[in-house]
Amino acid sequence: MQQISAIWTDFGGVLTPPVADDVAVFCARMGMTPEQFIAAEVAVGRRYGVDAMAPLDTPLITEDEWAAQVQQVLAEEHGVEVDLSDFGTKWFTDRSGNPEWEGWLRAHHGEVFIGLLSNMPPAWDAHWRRLVPPAGLFDELVMSFEVGCRKPSPEIFELAAGLAGAPPEECVLVDDLEKNCEGARAAGWQAVHFTKPSDAIDYITPRLVAPQVGVTGR
């Protein structure tokens, strides 16, 4: 059984409910369908030759620029008039966390290295920190907007393993997207495709080993 000395958890869909659920609630509140919203995101991403959220979380453009472009696509291609200004605030309104998974991580902080590895837009930094306070939870943060690369690229996994001071084979990514898990495995990591906390906990617990390096408590 392969050991684990560093746990890297995703944010959206792991430390929060499934992203599809949050999208459905957000779209209902804003007066559009998830299909319309996702199609508009994809259309904007295509302009830059990247995935839907990559213009925001690398970042290639500001949140305000992205929101204006998504609004335009929604109006011109779907006949939907919606105000997406201050998008991060609207997106995080009434969002909830995942207390079971967060609680398990907090209970093991100090026993094993725990980091946050997220494709995160810079404008969301304050929002996610209010939802899941990082103090006493994460030893390191690897955020796409800070490091200039994103999952599932090999560069971000190499960087994260180095920060953890752990060999790749002892790092595990817990992520709700299978393509990110595949990227982690290609980089020599272990990965858990997250659907519910118990599955991740059952996989990780018997493989845990004490960290070999000091933790920062960031």
C-alpha atoms as a PDB file:
ATOM      1  CA  MET A   1       0.000   0.000   0.000  1.00  0.00           C
ATOM      2  CA  GLN A   2       1.454   3.341  -1.072  1.00  0.00           C
ATOM      3  CA  GLN A   3       1.986   5.793   1.785  1.00  0.00           C
ATOM      4  CA  ILE A   4       0.679   9.371   1.891  1.00  0.00           C
ATOM      5  CA  SER A   5       2.638  12.170   3.544  1.00  0.00           C
ATOM      6  CA  ALA A   6       0.964  15.145   1.835  1.00  0.00           C
ATOM      7  CA  ILE A   7      -2.741  15.753   1.234  1.00  0.00           C
ATOM      8  CA  TRP A   8      -3.672  18.391  -1.347  1.00  0.00           C
ATOM      9  CA  THR A   9      -7.375  19.194  -1.449  1.00  0.00           C
ATOM     10  CA  ASP A  10      -9.295  21.104  -4.086  1.00  0.00           C
ATOM     11  CA  PHE A  11     -11.715  23.861  -3.053  1.00  0.00           C
ATOM     12  CA  GLY A  12     -14.871  23.993  -5.206  1.00  0.00           C
ATOM     13  CA  GLY A  13     -16.820  20.747  -5.156  1.00  0.00           C
ATOM     14  CA  VAL A  14     -14.666  19.319  -2.355  1.00  0.00           C
ATOM     15  CA  LEU A  15     -14.588  21.892   0.444  1.00  0.00           C
ATOM     16  CA  THR A  16     -17.971  23.020  -0.874  1.00  0.00           C
ATOM     17  CA  PRO A  17     -21.016  21.090  -2.143  1.00  0.00           C
ATOM     18  CA  PRO A  18     -20.893  19.839  -5.749  1.00  0.00           C
ATOM     19  CA  VAL A  19     -20.250  22.703  -8.160  1.00  0.00           C
ATOM     20  CA  ALA A  20     -23.239  21.645 -10.271  1.00  0.00           C
ATOM     21  CA  ASP A  21     -25.485  22.214  -7.250  1.00  0.00           C
ATOM     22  CA  ASP A  22     -24.031  25.677  -6.659  1.00  0.00           C
ATOM     23  CA  VAL A  23     -24.394  26.525 -10.349  1.00  0.00           C
ATOM     24  CA  ALA A  24     -28.057  25.507 -10.282  1.00  0.00           C
ATOM     25  CA  VAL A  25     -28.775  27.690  -7.244  1.00  0.00           C
ATOM     26  CA  PHE A  26     -26.831  30.635  -8.665  1.00  0.00           C
ATOM     27  CA  CYS A  27     -28.521  30.450 -12.059  1.00  0.00           C
ATOM     28  CA  ALA A  28     -31.994  30.211 -10.539  1.00  0.00           C
ATOM     29  CA  ARG A  29     -31.263  33.306  -8.493  1.00  0.00           C
ATOM     30  CA  MET A  30     -29.942  35.192 -11.531  1.00  0.00           C
ATOM     31  CA  GLY A  31     -32.737  34.174 -13.928  1.00  0.00           C
ATOM     32  CA  MET A  32     -30.947  31.854 -16.362  1.00  0.00           C
ATOM     33  CA  THR A  33     -30.460  28.138 -16.809  1.00  0.00           C
ATOM     34  CA  PRO A  34     -27.238  26.296 -15.972  1.00  0.00           C
ATOM     35  CA  GLU A  35     -27.020  25.239 -19.608  1.00  0.00           C
ATOM     36  CA  GLN A  36     -27.095  28.853 -20.775  1.00  0.00           C
ATOM     37  CA  PHE A  37     -24.532  29.971 -18.223  1.00  0.00           C
ATOM     38  CA  ILE A  38     -22.122  27.117 -18.902  1.00  0.00           C
ATOM     39  CA  ALA A  39     -22.412  27.593 -22.667  1.00  0.00           C
ATOM     40  CA  ALA A  40     -21.551  31.274 -22.261  1.00  0.00           C
ATOM     41  CA  GLU A  41     -18.540  30.443 -20.061  1.00  0.00           C
ATOM     42  CA  VAL A  42     -17.308  27.936 -22.624  1.00  0.00           C
ATOM     43  CA  ALA A  43     -17.770  30.443 -25.441  1.00  0.00           C
ATOM     44  CA  VAL A  44     -15.664  33.036 -23.637  1.00  0.00           C
ATOM     45  CA  GLY A  45     -12.973  30.488 -22.821  1.00  0.00           C
ATOM     46  CA  ARG A  46     -12.860  29.478 -26.472  1.00  0.00           C
ATOM     47  CA  ARG A  47     -11.928  33.044 -27.408  1.00  0.00           C
ATOM     48  CA  TYR A  48      -8.691  32.544 -25.492  1.00  0.00           C
ATOM     49  CA  GLY A  49      -8.142  28.942 -26.551  1.00  0.00           C
ATOM     50  CA  VAL A  50      -8.608  27.610 -23.019  1.00  0.00           C
ATOM     51  CA  ASP A  51     -11.139  25.891 -20.763  1.00  0.00           C
ATOM     52  CA  ALA A  52     -14.165  27.796 -19.516  1.00  0.00           C
ATOM     53  CA  MET A  53     -12.701  29.128 -16.258  1.00  0.00           C
ATOM     54  CA  ALA A  54      -9.068  29.482 -17.329  1.00  0.00           C
ATOM     55  CA  PRO A  55      -9.447  33.141 -18.418  1.00  0.00           C
ATOM     56  CA  LEU A  56     -10.324  33.906 -14.780  1.00  0.00           C
ATOM     57  CA  ASP A  57      -8.089  31.653 -12.753  1.00  0.00           C
ATOM     58  CA  THR A  58      -4.770  31.896 -14.579  1.00  0.00           C
ATOM     59  CA  PRO A  59      -5.695  34.828 -15.018  1.00  0.00           C
ATOM     60  CA  LEU A  60      -5.815  36.058 -18.607  1.00  0.00           C
ATOM     61  CA  ILE A  61      -8.395  38.799 -17.986  1.00  0.00           C
ATOM     62  CA  THR A  62      -9.968  40.476 -14.983  1.00  0.00           C
ATOM     63  CA  GLU A  63     -13.179  39.267 -13.437  1.00  0.00           C
ATOM     64  CA  ASP A  64     -14.962  42.413 -14.656  1.00  0.00           C
ATOM     65  CA  GLU A  65     -13.799  41.799 -18.237  1.00  0.00           C
ATOM     66  CA  TRP A  66     -14.816  38.146 -18.054  1.00  0.00           C
ATOM     67  CA  ALA A  67     -18.233  38.950 -16.598  1.00  0.00           C
ATOM     68  CA  ALA A  68     -18.908  41.528 -19.299  1.00  0.00           C
ATOM     69  CA  GLN A  69     -18.039  39.023 -22.014  1.00  0.00           C
ATOM     70  CA  VAL A  70     -20.216  36.294 -20.471  1.00  0.00           C
ATOM     71  CA  GLN A  71     -23.079  38.791 -20.198  1.00  0.00           C
ATOM     72  CA  GLN A  72     -22.671  39.668 -23.868  1.00  0.00           C
ATOM     73  CA  VAL A  73     -22.790  36.020 -24.952  1.00  0.00           C
ATOM     74  CA  LEU A  74     -25.847  35.380 -22.796  1.00  0.00           C
ATOM     75  CA  ALA A  75     -27.655  38.360 -24.347  1.00  0.00           C
ATOM     76  CA  GLU A  76     -26.634  37.800 -27.961  1.00  0.00           C
ATOM     77  CA  GLU A  77     -26.762  34.008 -28.169  1.00  0.00           C
ATOM     78  CA  HIS A  78     -29.349  33.088 -25.528  1.00  0.00           C
ATOM     79  CA  GLY A  79     -31.563  36.153 -25.196  1.00  0.00           C
ATOM     80  CA  VAL A  80     -30.820  36.400 -21.482  1.00  0.00           C
ATOM     81  CA  GLU A  81     -30.231  39.780 -19.859  1.00  0.00           C
ATOM     82  CA  VAL A  82     -28.365  39.378 -16.586  1.00  0.00           C
ATOM     83  CA  ASP A  83     -26.097  41.541 -14.446  1.00  0.00           C
ATOM     84  CA  LEU A  84     -22.901  39.662 -13.618  1.00  0.00           C
ATOM     85  CA  SER A  85     -20.976  42.639 -12.260  1.00  0.00           C
ATOM     86  CA  ASP A  86     -19.158  41.958  -8.995  1.00  0.00           C
ATOM     87  CA  PHE A  87     -19.411  38.314  -9.989  1.00  0.00           C
ATOM     88  CA  GLY A  88     -17.434  36.877  -7.078  1.00  0.00           C
ATOM     89  CA  THR A  89     -19.746  38.413  -4.503  1.00  0.00           C
ATOM     90  CA  LYS A  90     -22.812  37.109  -6.331  1.00  0.00           C
ATOM     91  CA  TRP A  91     -21.270  33.652  -6.802  1.00  0.00           C
ATOM     92  CA  PHE A  92     -20.368  33.252  -3.133  1.00  0.00           C
ATOM     93  CA  THR A  93     -23.685  34.584  -1.801  1.00  0.00           C
ATOM     94  CA  ASP A  94     -25.297  31.853   0.335  1.00  0.00           C
ATOM     95  CA  ARG A  95     -22.649  29.283  -0.620  1.00  0.00           C
ATOM     96  CA  SER A  96     -21.938  26.687   2.024  1.00  0.00           C
ATOM     97  CA  GLY A  97     -18.915  24.598   2.863  1.00  0.00           C
ATOM     98  CA  ASN A  98     -18.427  20.896   3.402  1.00  0.00           C
ATOM     99  CA  PRO A  99     -18.104  20.621   7.194  1.00  0.00           C
ATOM    100  CA  GLU A 100     -17.456  16.866   7.214  1.00  0.00           C
ATOM    101  CA  TRP A 101     -14.411  17.057   4.950  1.00  0.00           C
ATOM    102  CA  GLU A 102     -13.156  20.330   6.419  1.00  0.00           C
ATOM    103  CA  GLY A 103     -13.555  18.926   9.927  1.00  0.00           C
ATOM    104  CA  TRP A 104     -11.589  15.782   9.072  1.00  0.00           C
ATOM    105  CA  LEU A 105      -8.769  17.864   7.605  1.00  0.00           C
ATOM    106  CA  ARG A 106      -8.670  20.159  10.626  1.00  0.00           C
ATOM    107  CA  ALA A 107      -8.559  17.162  12.952  1.00  0.00           C
ATOM    108  CA  HIS A 108      -5.453  15.906  11.153  1.00  0.00           C
ATOM    109  CA  HIS A 109      -3.684  19.236  10.764  1.00  0.00           C
ATOM    110  CA  GLY A 110      -0.264  18.897  12.382  1.00  0.00           C
ATOM    111  CA  GLU A 111      -0.249  15.140  11.888  1.00  0.00           C
ATOM    112  CA  VAL A 112       0.191  15.231   8.115  1.00  0.00           C
ATOM    113  CA  PHE A 113       0.923  17.953   5.577  1.00  0.00           C
ATOM    114  CA  ILE A 114      -2.315  19.482   4.254  1.00  0.00           C
ATOM    115  CA  GLY A 115      -2.447  21.946   1.377  1.00  0.00           C
ATOM    116  CA  LEU A 116      -5.017  23.656  -0.816  1.00  0.00           C
ATOM    117  CA  LEU A 117      -4.442  23.160  -4.548  1.00  0.00           C
ATOM    118  CA  SER A 118      -7.025  25.146  -6.484  1.00  0.00           C
ATOM    119  CA  ASN A 119      -7.711  26.727  -9.849  1.00  0.00           C
ATOM    120  CA  MET A 120      -8.763  29.978  -8.203  1.00  0.00           C
ATOM    121  CA  PRO A 121      -9.493  33.448  -9.645  1.00  0.00           C
ATOM    122  CA  PRO A 122      -7.715  36.273  -7.800  1.00  0.00           C
ATOM    123  CA  ALA A 123     -10.987  38.136  -7.204  1.00  0.00           C
ATOM    124  CA  TRP A 124     -12.280  35.165  -5.187  1.00  0.00           C
ATOM    125  CA  ASP A 125      -9.423  35.125  -2.679  1.00  0.00           C
ATOM    126  CA  ALA A 126     -11.221  36.991   0.094  1.00  0.00           C
ATOM    127  CA  HIS A 127     -14.485  35.120  -0.550  1.00  0.00           C
ATOM    128  CA  TRP A 128     -13.149  31.585  -0.163  1.00  0.00           C
ATOM    129  CA  ARG A 129     -11.188  32.581   2.944  1.00  0.00           C
ATOM    130  CA  ARG A 130     -14.407  33.695   4.632  1.00  0.00           C
ATOM    131  CA  LEU A 131     -16.137  30.438   3.706  1.00  0.00           C
ATOM    132  CA  VAL A 132     -13.256  28.161   4.719  1.00  0.00           C
ATOM    133  CA  PRO A 133     -10.831  30.039   7.021  1.00  0.00           C
ATOM    134  CA  PRO A 134      -7.358  28.715   6.192  1.00  0.00           C
ATOM    135  CA  ALA A 135      -5.781  29.231   9.639  1.00  0.00           C
ATOM    136  CA  GLY A 136      -5.202  25.923  11.367  1.00  0.00           C
ATOM    137  CA  LEU A 137      -6.140  24.027   8.225  1.00  0.00           C
ATOM    138  CA  PHE A 138      -3.556  24.463   5.459  1.00  0.00           C
ATOM    139  CA  ASP A 139       0.215  24.286   5.574  1.00  0.00           C
ATOM    140  CA  GLU A 140       0.546  25.695   2.043  1.00  0.00           C
ATOM    141  CA  LEU A 141      -1.665  27.214  -0.629  1.00  0.00           C
ATOM    142  CA  VAL A 142      -1.056  26.648  -4.329  1.00  0.00           C
ATOM    143  CA  MET A 143      -3.455  28.889  -6.221  1.00  0.00           C
ATOM    144  CA  SER A 144      -3.448  29.027 -10.003  1.00  0.00           C
ATOM    145  CA  PHE A 145      -3.690  32.807 -10.128  1.00  0.00           C
ATOM    146  CA  GLU A 146      -0.553  33.120  -7.988  1.00  0.00           C
ATOM    147  CA  VAL A 147       1.616  30.505  -9.687  1.00  0.00           C
ATOM    148  CA  GLY A 148       0.554  31.058 -13.309  1.00  0.00           C
ATOM    149  CA  CYS A 149      -0.375  27.450 -14.069  1.00  0.00           C
ATOM    150  CA  ARG A 150      -3.418  25.342 -13.303  1.00  0.00           C
ATOM    151  CA  LYS A 151      -4.597  21.797 -12.867  1.00  0.00           C
ATOM    152  CA  PRO A 152      -4.184  19.433 -14.638  1.00  0.00           C
ATOM    153  CA  SER A 153      -0.820  20.768 -15.927  1.00  0.00           C
ATOM    154  CA  PRO A 154       2.238  18.863 -14.648  1.00  0.00           C
ATOM    155  CA  GLU A 155       3.919  22.102 -13.554  1.00  0.00           C
ATOM    156  CA  ILE A 156       1.458  22.749 -10.748  1.00  0.00           C
ATOM    157  CA  PHE A 157       1.869  19.252  -9.312  1.00  0.00           C
ATOM    158  CA  GLU A 158       5.657  19.504  -9.409  1.00  0.00           C
ATOM    159  CA  LEU A 159       5.449  22.827  -7.575  1.00  0.00           C
ATOM    160  CA  ALA A 160       3.038  21.492  -4.942  1.00  0.00           C
ATOM    161  CA  ALA A 161       5.105  18.381  -4.217  1.00  0.00           C
ATOM    162  CA  GLY A 162       8.167  20.567  -3.757  1.00  0.00           C
ATOM    163  CA  LEU A 163       6.371  22.818  -1.289  1.00  0.00           C
ATOM    164  CA  ALA A 164       5.226  19.786   0.674  1.00  0.00           C
ATOM    165  CA  GLY A 165       8.743  18.379   0.732  1.00  0.00           C
ATOM    166  CA  ALA A 166       7.288  15.044  -0.288  1.00  0.00           C
ATOM    167  CA  PRO A 167       8.035  12.669  -3.163  1.00  0.00           C
ATOM    168  CA  PRO A 168       5.284  12.725  -5.794  1.00  0.00           C
ATOM    169  CA  GLU A 169       4.193   9.187  -5.008  1.00  0.00           C
ATOM    170  CA  GLU A 170       3.417  10.205  -1.409  1.00  0.00           C
ATOM    171  CA  CYS A 171       1.226  13.150  -2.468  1.00  0.00           C
ATOM    172  CA  VAL A 172      -2.513  12.719  -2.953  1.00  0.00           C
ATOM    173  CA  LEU A 173      -4.885  15.072  -4.763  1.00  0.00           C
ATOM    174  CA  VAL A 174      -8.514  15.090  -3.643  1.00  0.00           C
ATOM    175  CA  ASP A 175     -10.484  16.693  -6.476  1.00  0.00           C
ATOM    176  CA  ASP A 176     -14.005  16.603  -7.872  1.00  0.00           C
ATOM    177  CA  LEU A 177     -12.817  16.606 -11.506  1.00  0.00           C
ATOM    178  CA  GLU A 178     -11.507  13.361 -12.940  1.00  0.00           C
ATOM    179  CA  LYS A 179      -9.325  15.218 -15.472  1.00  0.00           C
ATOM    180  CA  ASN A 180      -7.454  16.830 -12.582  1.00  0.00           C
ATOM    181  CA  CYS A 181      -7.054  13.452 -10.910  1.00  0.00           C
ATOM    182  CA  GLU A 182      -5.684  12.070 -14.166  1.00  0.00           C
ATOM    183  CA  GLY A 183      -3.207  14.943 -14.318  1.00  0.00           C
ATOM    184  CA  ALA A 184      -2.068  14.187 -10.781  1.00  0.00           C
ATOM    185  CA  ARG A 185      -1.589  10.504 -11.537  1.00  0.00           C
ATOM    186  CA  ALA A 186       0.381  11.388 -14.679  1.00  0.00           C
ATOM    187  CA  ALA A 187       2.681  13.442 -12.426  1.00  0.00           C
ATOM    188  CA  GLY A 188       3.272  10.391 -10.221  1.00  0.00           C
ATOM    189  CA  TRP A 189       0.766  11.332  -7.518  1.00  0.00           C
ATOM    190  CA  GLN A 190      -2.083   9.400  -5.992  1.00  0.00           C
ATOM    191  CA  ALA A 191      -5.544  10.860  -6.523  1.00  0.00           C
ATOM    192  CA  VAL A 192      -9.067  10.522  -5.150  1.00  0.00           C
ATOM    193  CA  HIS A 193     -11.954  11.547  -7.383  1.00  0.00           C
ATOM    194  CA  PHE A 194     -14.079  13.193  -4.713  1.00  0.00           C
ATOM    195  CA  THR A 195     -17.777  12.465  -4.534  1.00  0.00           C
ATOM    196  CA  LYS A 196     -18.269  12.230  -0.757  1.00  0.00           C
ATOM    197  CA  PRO A 197     -15.991  12.670   2.253  1.00  0.00           C
ATOM    198  CA  SER A 198     -16.190   9.074   3.440  1.00  0.00           C
ATOM    199  CA  ASP A 199     -14.621   7.710   0.255  1.00  0.00           C
ATOM    200  CA  ALA A 200     -11.666  10.101   0.492  1.00  0.00           C
ATOM    201  CA  ILE A 201     -11.248   9.425   4.203  1.00  0.00           C
ATOM    202  CA  ASP A 202     -11.380   5.663   3.709  1.00  0.00           C
ATOM    203  CA  TYR A 203      -8.698   5.857   1.013  1.00  0.00           C
ATOM    204  CA  ILE A 204      -6.342   8.229   2.836  1.00  0.00           C
ATOM    205  CA  THR A 205      -6.527   7.080   6.467  1.00  0.00           C
ATOM    206  CA  PRO A 206      -4.731   3.723   6.210  1.00  0.00           C
ATOM    207  CA  ARG A 207      -1.987   5.274   4.080  1.00  0.00           C
ATOM    208  CA  LEU A 208      -1.088   8.225   6.312  1.00  0.00           C
ATOM    209  CA  VAL A 209       2.474   8.698   7.517  1.00  0.00           C
ATOM    210  CA  ALA A 210       3.903  11.479   9.680  1.00  0.00           C
ATOM    211  CA  PRO A 211       5.279  14.459   7.720  1.00  0.00           C
ATOM    212  CA  GLN A 212       9.025  14.421   7.112  1.00  0.00           C
ATOM    213  CA  VAL A 213       9.400  18.212   7.017  1.00  0.00           C
ATOM    214  CA  GLY A 214       8.242  21.115   9.135  1.00  0.00           C
ATOM    215  CA  VAL A 215       4.897  22.669   8.275  1.00  0.00           C
ATOM    216  CA  THR A 216       4.338  26.358   7.906  1.00  0.00           C
ATOM    217  CA  GLY A 217       0.818  26.714   9.272  1.00  0.00           C
ATOM    218  CA  ARG A 218       0.081  29.300   6.587  1.00  0.00           C
END
